[in-house]
């Protein structure tokens, strides 16, 4: 009798032994979840795929490390505000 089950790759993995699912099964489940999460239908307009978003010499897209400039600017503004409050408004 099957007491617990997990669906992965259209197969059922029984979880009746109490030993857990196993490393390979967990890796396959994580891979399936990752593939599902990053489907281009969720994130991109119709007719566009992730392959279309690759950078070339002519086309450049924003990268995650570009957000670091915003963090630096926020610290500079906080420092400017603190200096203004202590020197001018005191």
Protein backbone atom coordinates (compact mmCIF):
# COMPACT_ATOMS: atom_id res chain seq x y z
CA UNK A 1 0.00 0.00 0.00
CA UNK A 2 1.30 3.44 -0.93
CA UNK A 3 1.24 5.86 2.01
CA UNK A 4 2.98 8.86 0.42
CA UNK A 5 4.19 9.78 -3.04
CA UNK A 6 5.97 12.54 -4.93
CA UNK A 7 5.48 13.22 -8.64
CA UNK A 8 8.62 13.72 -10.72
CA UNK A 9 9.23 13.17 -14.43
CA UNK A 10 5.76 11.63 -14.80
CA UNK A 11 6.68 8.86 -12.38
CA UNK A 12 5.66 8.29 -8.81
CA UNK A 13 8.39 7.83 -6.22
CA UNK A 14 7.09 6.09 -3.13
CA UNK A 15 8.00 7.61 0.21
CA UNK A 16 7.08 4.65 2.37
CA UNK A 17 10.50 3.52 3.58
CA UNK A 18 11.12 6.54 5.82
CA UNK A 19 14.58 7.07 4.30
CA UNK A 20 13.57 10.12 2.27
CA UNK A 21 13.50 10.55 -1.46
CA UNK A 22 17.17 10.25 -2.24
CA UNK A 23 19.64 12.70 -3.69
CA UNK A 24 19.01 11.94 -7.38
CA UNK A 25 15.27 12.31 -7.03
CA UNK A 26 15.65 15.59 -5.14
CA UNK A 27 18.01 16.89 -7.83
CA UNK A 28 15.55 15.94 -10.59
CA UNK A 29 12.72 17.63 -8.71
CA UNK A 30 14.78 20.81 -8.26
CA UNK A 31 15.76 20.77 -11.95
CA UNK A 32 12.12 20.36 -12.97
CA UNK A 33 11.09 23.21 -10.67
CA UNK A 34 13.85 25.44 -12.05
CA UNK A 35 12.90 24.68 -15.65
CA UNK A 36 9.25 25.40 -14.86
CA UNK A 37 10.05 28.65 -13.04
CA UNK A 38 12.20 30.07 -15.86
CA UNK A 39 9.85 29.25 -18.75
CA UNK A 40 9.88 32.15 -21.17
CA UNK A 41 6.06 32.18 -21.29
CA UNK A 42 6.03 33.54 -17.72
CA UNK A 43 8.66 36.25 -18.09
CA UNK A 44 8.77 37.38 -21.71
CA UNK A 45 6.22 38.73 -24.20
CA UNK A 46 4.70 36.32 -26.75
CA UNK A 47 7.09 35.42 -29.55
CA UNK A 48 10.25 36.13 -27.53
CA UNK A 49 12.46 33.43 -25.98
CA UNK A 50 15.53 33.51 -23.77
CA UNK A 51 17.66 32.87 -26.86
CA UNK A 52 16.48 36.23 -28.23
CA UNK A 53 17.74 37.95 -25.07
CA UNK A 54 21.41 36.99 -25.50
CA UNK A 55 23.85 39.88 -25.73
CA UNK A 56 25.82 40.59 -28.88
CA UNK A 57 28.42 43.21 -29.76
CA UNK A 58 25.65 45.56 -30.95
CA UNK A 59 22.99 44.76 -28.31
CA UNK A 60 23.68 45.14 -24.59
CA UNK A 61 21.16 44.41 -21.83
CA UNK A 62 21.26 45.51 -18.18
CA UNK A 63 23.01 43.05 -15.88
CA UNK A 64 22.35 42.35 -12.17
CA UNK A 65 25.66 43.90 -11.12
CA UNK A 66 24.45 47.24 -12.50
CA UNK A 67 22.17 47.47 -9.44
CA UNK A 68 25.25 47.99 -7.24
CA UNK A 69 25.44 51.59 -8.45
CA UNK A 70 22.02 52.23 -6.90
CA UNK A 71 23.21 50.91 -3.54
CA UNK A 72 26.28 53.16 -3.67
CA UNK A 73 24.11 56.18 -4.50
CA UNK A 74 21.77 55.43 -1.61
CA UNK A 75 24.67 55.38 0.88
CA UNK A 76 25.97 58.66 -0.54
CA UNK A 77 22.53 60.28 -0.13
CA UNK A 78 22.24 59.00 3.45
CA UNK A 79 25.66 60.45 4.24
CA UNK A 80 24.73 63.76 2.64
CA UNK A 81 21.49 63.88 4.65
CA UNK A 82 23.26 63.13 7.95
CA UNK A 83 25.90 65.77 7.23
CA UNK A 84 23.22 68.34 6.35
CA UNK A 85 21.21 67.56 9.49
CA UNK A 86 24.23 67.88 11.80
CA UNK A 87 25.91 70.89 10.21
CA UNK A 88 23.09 73.05 8.86
CA UNK A 89 20.02 72.15 10.86
CA UNK A 90 21.64 71.92 14.31
